[in-house]
């Protein structure tokens, strides 16, 4: 991890990208289902949103987060 204070060292990992993609899809689907007045699918989308957050945490703990054992840091 970088010691540069302007580089917070987060968000550039497979875990973060996977979580964000899952959550963006869930949010977009939930918005569409809200406008189509399908409350069951809105709540299902909320569940997928939570699943994306959990997936990011699990992948991070598995070594795919920033500075994880299965990621390679880029040289600047």
PDB file of N, CA and C in Angstrom:
ATOM      1  N   UNK A   1       0.837  -1.170   0.000  1.00  0.00           N
ATOM      2  CA  UNK A   1       0.000   0.000   0.000  1.00  0.00           C
ATOM      3  C   UNK A   1       0.884   1.235   0.000  1.00  0.00           C
ATOM      4  N   UNK A   2       0.453   2.249  -0.689  1.00  0.00           N
ATOM      5  CA  UNK A   2       1.232   3.472  -0.818  1.00  0.00           C
ATOM      6  C   UNK A   2       1.229   4.273   0.487  1.00  0.00           C
ATOM      7  N   UNK A   3       2.345   4.942   0.769  1.00  0.00           N
ATOM      8  CA  UNK A   3       2.408   5.815   1.944  1.00  0.00           C
ATOM      9  C   UNK A   3       2.092   7.255   1.572  1.00  0.00           C
ATOM     10  N   UNK A   4       1.778   7.504   0.300  1.00  0.00           N
ATOM     11  CA  UNK A   4       1.415   8.831  -0.170  1.00  0.00           C
ATOM     12  C   UNK A   4       0.036   9.206   0.379  1.00  0.00           C
ATOM     13  N   UNK A   5      -0.089  10.312   1.139  1.00  0.00           N
ATOM     14  CA  UNK A   5      -1.384  10.663   1.726  1.00  0.00           C
ATOM     15  C   UNK A   5      -2.447  11.043   0.698  1.00  0.00           C
ATOM     16  N   UNK A   6      -2.053  11.402  -0.516  1.00  0.00           N
ATOM     17  CA  UNK A   6      -3.046  11.739  -1.541  1.00  0.00           C
ATOM     18  C   UNK A   6      -3.621  10.493  -2.209  1.00  0.00           C
ATOM     19  N   UNK A   7      -3.054   9.324  -1.942  1.00  0.00           N
ATOM     20  CA  UNK A   7      -3.544   8.063  -2.492  1.00  0.00           C
ATOM     21  C   UNK A   7      -4.162   7.248  -1.364  1.00  0.00           C
ATOM     22  N   UNK A   8      -5.505   7.254  -1.253  1.00  0.00           N
ATOM     23  CA  UNK A   8      -6.128   6.533  -0.135  1.00  0.00           C
ATOM     24  C   UNK A   8      -6.004   5.023  -0.239  1.00  0.00           C
ATOM     25  N   UNK A   9      -5.676   4.483  -1.425  1.00  0.00           N
ATOM     26  CA  UNK A   9      -5.442   3.045  -1.563  1.00  0.00           C
ATOM     27  C   UNK A   9      -6.693   2.203  -1.511  1.00  0.00           C
ATOM     28  N   UNK A  10      -7.777   2.683  -2.067  1.00  0.00           N
ATOM     29  CA  UNK A  10      -8.984   1.865  -2.091  1.00  0.00           C
ATOM     30  C   UNK A  10      -9.678   2.000  -3.442  1.00  0.00           C
ATOM     31  N   UNK A  11     -10.434   0.987  -3.792  1.00  0.00           N
ATOM     32  CA  UNK A  11     -11.245   1.046  -4.986  1.00  0.00           C
ATOM     33  C   UNK A  11     -10.618   0.521  -6.259  1.00  0.00           C
ATOM     34  N   UNK A  12      -9.359   0.161  -6.223  1.00  0.00           N
ATOM     35  CA  UNK A  12      -8.711  -0.336  -7.434  1.00  0.00           C
ATOM     36  C   UNK A  12      -8.320  -1.789  -7.242  1.00  0.00           C
ATOM     37  N   UNK A  13      -9.331  -2.631  -7.070  1.00  0.00           N
ATOM     38  CA  UNK A  13      -9.074  -4.048  -6.855  1.00  0.00           C
ATOM     39  C   UNK A  13     -10.206  -4.858  -7.478  1.00  0.00           C
ATOM     40  N   UNK A  14      -9.951  -6.119  -7.757  1.00  0.00           N
ATOM     41  CA  UNK A  14     -11.025  -6.972  -8.283  1.00  0.00           C
ATOM     42  C   UNK A  14     -12.216  -7.054  -7.330  1.00  0.00           C
ATOM     43  N   UNK A  15     -11.961  -7.056  -6.036  1.00  0.00           N
ATOM     44  CA  UNK A  15     -13.058  -7.117  -5.073  1.00  0.00           C
ATOM     45  C   UNK A  15     -13.951  -5.881  -5.177  1.00  0.00           C
ATOM     46  N   UNK A  16     -13.340  -4.714  -5.253  1.00  0.00           N
ATOM     47  CA  UNK A  16     -14.110  -3.475  -5.337  1.00  0.00           C
ATOM     48  C   UNK A  16     -14.878  -3.387  -6.652  1.00  0.00           C
ATOM     49  N   UNK A  17     -14.227  -3.714  -7.755  1.00  0.00           N
ATOM     50  CA  UNK A  17     -14.902  -3.641  -9.049  1.00  0.00           C
ATOM     51  C   UNK A  17     -16.071  -4.608  -9.120  1.00  0.00           C
ATOM     52  N   UNK A  18     -15.892  -5.816  -8.617  1.00  0.00           N
ATOM     53  CA  UNK A  18     -16.971  -6.805  -8.643  1.00  0.00           C
ATOM     54  C   UNK A  18     -18.152  -6.331  -7.810  1.00  0.00           C
ATOM     55  N   UNK A  19     -17.872  -5.833  -6.612  1.00  0.00           N
ATOM     56  CA  UNK A  19     -18.941  -5.351  -5.740  1.00  0.00           C
ATOM     57  C   UNK A  19     -19.696  -4.189  -6.381  1.00  0.00           C
ATOM     58  N   UNK A  20     -18.973  -3.244  -6.939  1.00  0.00           N
ATOM     59  CA  UNK A  20     -19.611  -2.067  -7.535  1.00  0.00           C
ATOM     60  C   UNK A  20     -20.455  -2.449  -8.744  1.00  0.00           C
ATOM     61  N   UNK A  21     -19.972  -3.344  -9.582  1.00  0.00           N
ATOM     62  CA  UNK A  21     -20.748  -3.756 -10.757  1.00  0.00           C
ATOM     63  C   UNK A  21     -22.043  -4.438 -10.332  1.00  0.00           C
ATOM     64  N   UNK A  22     -21.963  -5.348  -9.368  1.00  0.00           N
ATOM     65  CA  UNK A  22     -23.171  -6.031  -8.881  1.00  0.00           C
ATOM     66  C   UNK A  22     -24.150  -5.012  -8.304  1.00  0.00           C
ATOM     67  N   UNK A  23     -23.648  -4.080  -7.510  1.00  0.00           N
ATOM     68  CA  UNK A  23     -24.538  -3.108  -6.874  1.00  0.00           C
ATOM     69  C   UNK A  23     -25.130  -2.118  -7.880  1.00  0.00           C
ATOM     70  N   UNK A  24     -24.374  -1.735  -8.907  1.00  0.00           N
ATOM     71  CA  UNK A  24     -24.931  -0.851  -9.939  1.00  0.00           C
ATOM     72  C   UNK A  24     -26.061  -1.531 -10.714  1.00  0.00           C
ATOM     73  N   UNK A  25     -25.865  -2.787 -11.067  1.00  0.00           N
ATOM     74  CA  UNK A  25     -26.910  -3.534 -11.772  1.00  0.00           C
ATOM     75  C   UNK A  25     -28.150  -3.656 -10.881  1.00  0.00           C
ATOM     76  N   UNK A  26     -27.953  -3.964  -9.612  1.00  0.00           N
ATOM     77  CA  UNK A  26     -29.082  -4.098  -8.687  1.00  0.00           C
ATOM     78  C   UNK A  26     -29.823  -2.772  -8.528  1.00  0.00           C
ATOM     79  N   UNK A  27     -29.089  -1.680  -8.411  1.00  0.00           N
ATOM     80  CA  UNK A  27     -29.718  -0.374  -8.249  1.00  0.00           C
ATOM     81  C   UNK A  27     -30.506   0.015  -9.499  1.00  0.00           C
ATOM     82  N   UNK A  28     -29.913  -0.228 -10.669  1.00  0.00           N
ATOM     83  CA  UNK A  28     -30.602   0.095 -11.928  1.00  0.00           C
ATOM     84  C   UNK A  28     -31.868  -0.755 -12.091  1.00  0.00           C
ATOM     85  N   UNK A  29     -31.760  -2.041 -11.807  1.00  0.00           N
ATOM     86  CA  UNK A  29     -32.931  -2.917 -11.912  1.00  0.00           C
ATOM     87  C   UNK A  29     -34.002  -2.505 -10.906  1.00  0.00           C
ATOM     88  N   UNK A  30     -33.589  -2.177  -9.698  1.00  0.00           N
ATOM     89  CA  UNK A  30     -34.551  -1.743  -8.681  1.00  0.00           C
ATOM     90  C   UNK A  30     -35.272  -0.474  -9.092  1.00  0.00           C
ATOM     91  N   UNK A  31     -34.569   0.430  -9.744  1.00  0.00           N
ATOM     92  CA  UNK A  31     -35.188   1.659 -10.222  1.00  0.00           C
ATOM     93  C   UNK A  31     -36.232   1.360 -11.294  1.00  0.00           C
ATOM     94  N   UNK A  32     -35.883   0.487 -12.229  1.00  0.00           N
ATOM     95  CA  UNK A  32     -36.830   0.106 -13.278  1.00  0.00           C
ATOM     96  C   UNK A  32     -38.051  -0.573 -12.661  1.00  0.00           C
ATOM     97  N   UNK A  33     -37.832  -1.490 -11.737  1.00  0.00           N
ATOM     98  CA  UNK A  33     -38.948  -2.192 -11.106  1.00  0.00           C
ATOM     99  C   UNK A  33     -39.813  -1.253 -10.276  1.00  0.00           C
ATOM    100  N   UNK A  34     -39.205  -0.231  -9.689  1.00  0.00           N
ATOM    101  CA  UNK A  34     -39.971   0.757  -8.939  1.00  0.00           C
ATOM    102  C   UNK A  34     -40.921   1.507  -9.876  1.00  0.00           C
ATOM    103  N   UNK A  35     -40.396   1.928 -11.025  1.00  0.00           N
ATOM    104  CA  UNK A  35     -41.222   2.660 -11.977  1.00  0.00           C
ATOM    105  C   UNK A  35     -42.295   1.773 -12.601  1.00  0.00           C
ATOM    106  N   UNK A  36     -42.041   0.489 -12.694  1.00  0.00           N
ATOM    107  CA  UNK A  36     -43.031  -0.447 -13.233  1.00  0.00           C
ATOM    108  C   UNK A  36     -43.985  -0.954 -12.149  1.00  0.00           C
ATOM    109  N   UNK A  37     -43.850  -0.435 -10.939  1.00  0.00           N
ATOM    110  CA  UNK A  37     -44.706  -0.791  -9.802  1.00  0.00           C
ATOM    111  C   UNK A  37     -44.707  -2.301  -9.536  1.00  0.00           C
ATOM    112  N   UNK A  38     -43.485  -2.836  -9.353  1.00  0.00           N
ATOM    113  CA  UNK A  38     -43.293  -4.247  -9.031  1.00  0.00           C
ATOM    114  C   UNK A  38     -42.541  -4.344  -7.700  1.00  0.00           C
ATOM    115  N   UNK A  39     -43.253  -4.169  -6.578  1.00  0.00           N
ATOM    116  CA  UNK A  39     -42.561  -4.075  -5.284  1.00  0.00           C
ATOM    117  C   UNK A  39     -41.765  -5.317  -4.893  1.00  0.00           C
ATOM    118  N   UNK A  40     -42.215  -6.481  -5.275  1.00  0.00           N
ATOM    119  CA  UNK A  40     -41.476  -7.699  -4.933  1.00  0.00           C
ATOM    120  C   UNK A  40     -40.093  -7.679  -5.595  1.00  0.00           C
ATOM    121  N   UNK A  41     -40.046  -7.232  -6.845  1.00  0.00           N
ATOM    122  CA  UNK A  41     -38.765  -7.193  -7.544  1.00  0.00           C
ATOM    123  C   UNK A  41     -37.900  -6.032  -7.061  1.00  0.00           C
ATOM    124  N   UNK A  42     -38.516  -4.968  -6.559  1.00  0.00           N
ATOM    125  CA  UNK A  42     -37.740  -3.888  -5.945  1.00  0.00           C
ATOM    126  C   UNK A  42     -37.015  -4.429  -4.720  1.00  0.00           C
ATOM    127  N   UNK A  43     -37.726  -5.177  -3.902  1.00  0.00           N
ATOM    128  CA  UNK A  43     -37.107  -5.751  -2.706  1.00  0.00           C
ATOM    129  C   UNK A  43     -36.078  -6.814  -3.063  1.00  0.00           C
ATOM    130  N   UNK A  44     -36.321  -7.561  -4.141  1.00  0.00           N
ATOM    131  CA  UNK A  44     -35.327  -8.540  -4.596  1.00  0.00           C
ATOM    132  C   UNK A  44     -34.056  -7.820  -5.049  1.00  0.00           C
ATOM    133  N   UNK A  45     -34.224  -6.683  -5.701  1.00  0.00           N
ATOM    134  CA  UNK A  45     -33.059  -5.889  -6.113  1.00  0.00           C
ATOM    135  C   UNK A  45     -32.296  -5.371  -4.905  1.00  0.00           C
ATOM    136  N   UNK A  46     -33.020  -5.005  -3.858  1.00  0.00           N
ATOM    137  CA  UNK A  46     -32.362  -4.576  -2.619  1.00  0.00           C
ATOM    138  C   UNK A  46     -31.548  -5.726  -2.033  1.00  0.00           C
ATOM    139  N   UNK A  47     -32.073  -6.946  -2.136  1.00  0.00           N
ATOM    140  CA  UNK A  47     -31.333  -8.114  -1.678  1.00  0.00           C
ATOM    141  C   UNK A  47     -30.069  -8.347  -2.497  1.00  0.00           C
ATOM    142  N   UNK A  48     -30.154  -8.142  -3.808  1.00  0.00           N
ATOM    143  CA  UNK A  48     -28.981  -8.283  -4.674  1.00  0.00           C
ATOM    144  C   UNK A  48     -27.959  -7.196  -4.351  1.00  0.00           C
ATOM    145  N   UNK A  49     -28.441  -6.005  -4.013  1.00  0.00           N
ATOM    146  CA  UNK A  49     -27.552  -4.923  -3.607  1.00  0.00           C
ATOM    147  C   UNK A  49     -26.748  -5.342  -2.367  1.00  0.00           C
ATOM    148  N   UNK A  50     -27.422  -5.912  -1.402  1.00  0.00           N
ATOM    149  CA  UNK A  50     -26.754  -6.402  -0.198  1.00  0.00           C
ATOM    150  C   UNK A  50     -25.790  -7.537  -0.539  1.00  0.00           C
ATOM    151  N   UNK A  51     -26.187  -8.393  -1.458  1.00  0.00           N
ATOM    152  CA  UNK A  51     -25.321  -9.486  -1.896  1.00  0.00           C
ATOM    153  C   UNK A  51     -24.036  -8.959  -2.532  1.00  0.00           C
ATOM    154  N   UNK A  52     -24.129  -7.864  -3.280  1.00  0.00           N
ATOM    155  CA  UNK A  52     -22.940  -7.252  -3.870  1.00  0.00           C
ATOM    156  C   UNK A  52     -21.985  -6.752  -2.808  1.00  0.00           C
ATOM    157  N   UNK A  53     -22.531  -6.134  -1.764  1.00  0.00           N
ATOM    158  CA  UNK A  53     -21.710  -5.632  -0.662  1.00  0.00           C
ATOM    159  C   UNK A  53     -21.000  -6.799   0.053  1.00  0.00           C
ATOM    160  N   UNK A  54     -21.731  -7.868   0.289  1.00  0.00           N
ATOM    161  CA  UNK A  54     -21.159  -9.049   0.945  1.00  0.00           C
ATOM    162  C   UNK A  54     -20.093  -9.688   0.056  1.00  0.00           C
ATOM    163  N   UNK A  55     -20.363  -9.771  -1.243  1.00  0.00           N
ATOM    164  CA  UNK A  55     -19.397 -10.341  -2.190  1.00  0.00           C
ATOM    165  C   UNK A  55     -18.084  -9.573  -2.163  1.00  0.00           C
ATOM    166  N   UNK A  56     -18.159  -8.245  -2.141  1.00  0.00           N
ATOM    167  CA  UNK A  56     -16.951  -7.433  -2.064  1.00  0.00           C
ATOM    168  C   UNK A  56     -16.146  -7.728  -0.816  1.00  0.00           C
ATOM    169  N   UNK A  57     -16.818  -7.868   0.311  1.00  0.00           N
ATOM    170  CA  UNK A  57     -16.129  -8.188   1.565  1.00  0.00           C
ATOM    171  C   UNK A  57     -15.488  -9.563   1.541  1.00  0.00           C
ATOM    172  N   UNK A  58     -16.213 -10.528   0.996  1.00  0.00           N
ATOM    173  CA  UNK A  58     -15.685 -11.896   0.923  1.00  0.00           C
ATOM    174  C   UNK A  58     -14.465 -11.953   0.000  1.00  0.00           C
ATOM    175  N   UNK A  59     -14.566 -11.297  -1.158  1.00  0.00           N
ATOM    176  CA  UNK A  59     -13.428 -11.291  -2.078  1.00  0.00           C
ATOM    177  C   UNK A  59     -12.231 -10.569  -1.474  1.00  0.00           C
ATOM    178  N   UNK A  60     -12.494  -9.508  -0.736  1.00  0.00           N
ATOM    179  CA  UNK A  60     -11.403  -8.783  -0.084  1.00  0.00           C
ATOM    180  C   UNK A  60     -10.707  -9.668   0.945  1.00  0.00           C
ATOM    181  N   UNK A  61     -11.484 -10.384   1.732  1.00  0.00           N
ATOM    182  CA  UNK A  61     -10.907 -11.295   2.730  1.00  0.00           C
ATOM    183  C   UNK A  61     -10.182 -12.463   2.076  1.00  0.00           C
ATOM    184  N   UNK A  62     -10.595 -12.820   0.851  1.00  0.00           N
ATOM    185  CA  UNK A  62      -9.960 -13.926   0.133  1.00  0.00           C
ATOM    186  C   UNK A  62      -8.665 -13.504  -0.558  1.00  0.00           C
ATOM    187  N   UNK A  63      -8.313 -12.217  -0.450  1.00  0.00           N
ATOM    188  CA  UNK A  63      -7.044 -11.773  -1.015  1.00  0.00           C
ATOM    189  C   UNK A  63      -7.152 -10.978  -2.296  1.00  0.00           C
ATOM    190  N   UNK A  64      -8.370 -10.638  -2.713  1.00  0.00           N
ATOM    191  CA  UNK A  64      -8.550  -9.891  -3.950  1.00  0.00           C
ATOM    192  C   UNK A  64      -8.770  -8.400  -3.712  1.00  0.00           C
ATOM    193  N   UNK A  65      -8.606  -7.930  -2.495  1.00  0.00           N
ATOM    194  CA  UNK A  65      -8.732  -6.514  -2.181  1.00  0.00           C
ATOM    195  C   UNK A  65      -7.424  -5.786  -2.418  1.00  0.00           C
ATOM    196  N   UNK A  66      -7.414  -4.492  -2.105  1.00  0.00           N
ATOM    197  CA  UNK A  66      -6.196  -3.692  -2.263  1.00  0.00           C
ATOM    198  C   UNK A  66      -5.103  -4.257  -1.364  1.00  0.00           C
ATOM    199  N   UNK A  67      -3.965  -4.539  -1.946  1.00  0.00           N
ATOM    200  CA  UNK A  67      -2.848  -5.091  -1.174  1.00  0.00           C
ATOM    201  C   UNK A  67      -3.019  -6.550  -0.804  1.00  0.00           C
ATOM    202  N   UNK A  68      -4.008  -7.212  -1.402  1.00  0.00           N
ATOM    203  CA  UNK A  68      -4.259  -8.623  -1.097  1.00  0.00           C
ATOM    204  C   UNK A  68      -3.196  -9.527  -1.690  1.00  0.00           C
ATOM    205  N   UNK A  69      -3.179 -10.745  -1.212  1.00  0.00           N
ATOM    206  CA  UNK A  69      -2.156 -11.699  -1.645  1.00  0.00           C
ATOM    207  C   UNK A  69      -2.348 -12.149  -3.107  1.00  0.00           C
ATOM    208  N   UNK A  70      -3.533 -11.960  -3.657  1.00  0.00           N
ATOM    209  CA  UNK A  70      -3.795 -12.412  -5.023  1.00  0.00           C
ATOM    210  C   UNK A  70      -3.879 -11.266  -6.023  1.00  0.00           C
ATOM    211  N   UNK A  71      -3.495 -10.076  -5.592  1.00  0.00           N
ATOM    212  CA  UNK A  71      -3.473  -8.933  -6.500  1.00  0.00           C
ATOM    213  C   UNK A  71      -2.042  -8.445  -6.693  1.00  0.00           C
ATOM    214  N   UNK A  72      -1.794  -7.843  -7.832  1.00  0.00           N
ATOM    215  CA  UNK A  72      -0.468  -7.327  -8.150  1.00  0.00           C
ATOM    216  C   UNK A  72      -0.571  -5.795  -8.194  1.00  0.00           C
ATOM    217  N   UNK A  73       0.251  -5.130  -7.409  1.00  0.00           N
ATOM    218  CA  UNK A  73       0.235  -3.677  -7.378  1.00  0.00           C
ATOM    219  C   UNK A  73       0.910  -3.136  -8.624  1.00  0.00           C
ATOM    220  N   UNK A  74       0.344  -2.062  -9.181  1.00  0.00           N
ATOM    221  CA  UNK A  74       0.952  -1.398 -10.336  1.00  0.00           C
ATOM    222  C   UNK A  74       2.046  -0.466  -9.873  1.00  0.00           C
ATOM    223  N   UNK A  75       3.089  -0.400 -10.656  1.00  0.00           N
ATOM    224  CA  UNK A  75       4.164   0.551 -10.363  1.00  0.00           C
ATOM    225  C   UNK A  75       3.801   1.875 -10.999  1.00  0.00           C
ATOM    226  N   UNK A  76       4.017   2.966 -10.282  1.00  0.00           N
ATOM    227  CA  UNK A  76       3.688   4.302 -10.795  1.00  0.00           C
ATOM    228  C   UNK A  76       4.912   4.985 -11.284  1.00  0.00           C
TER     229      UNK A  76
END
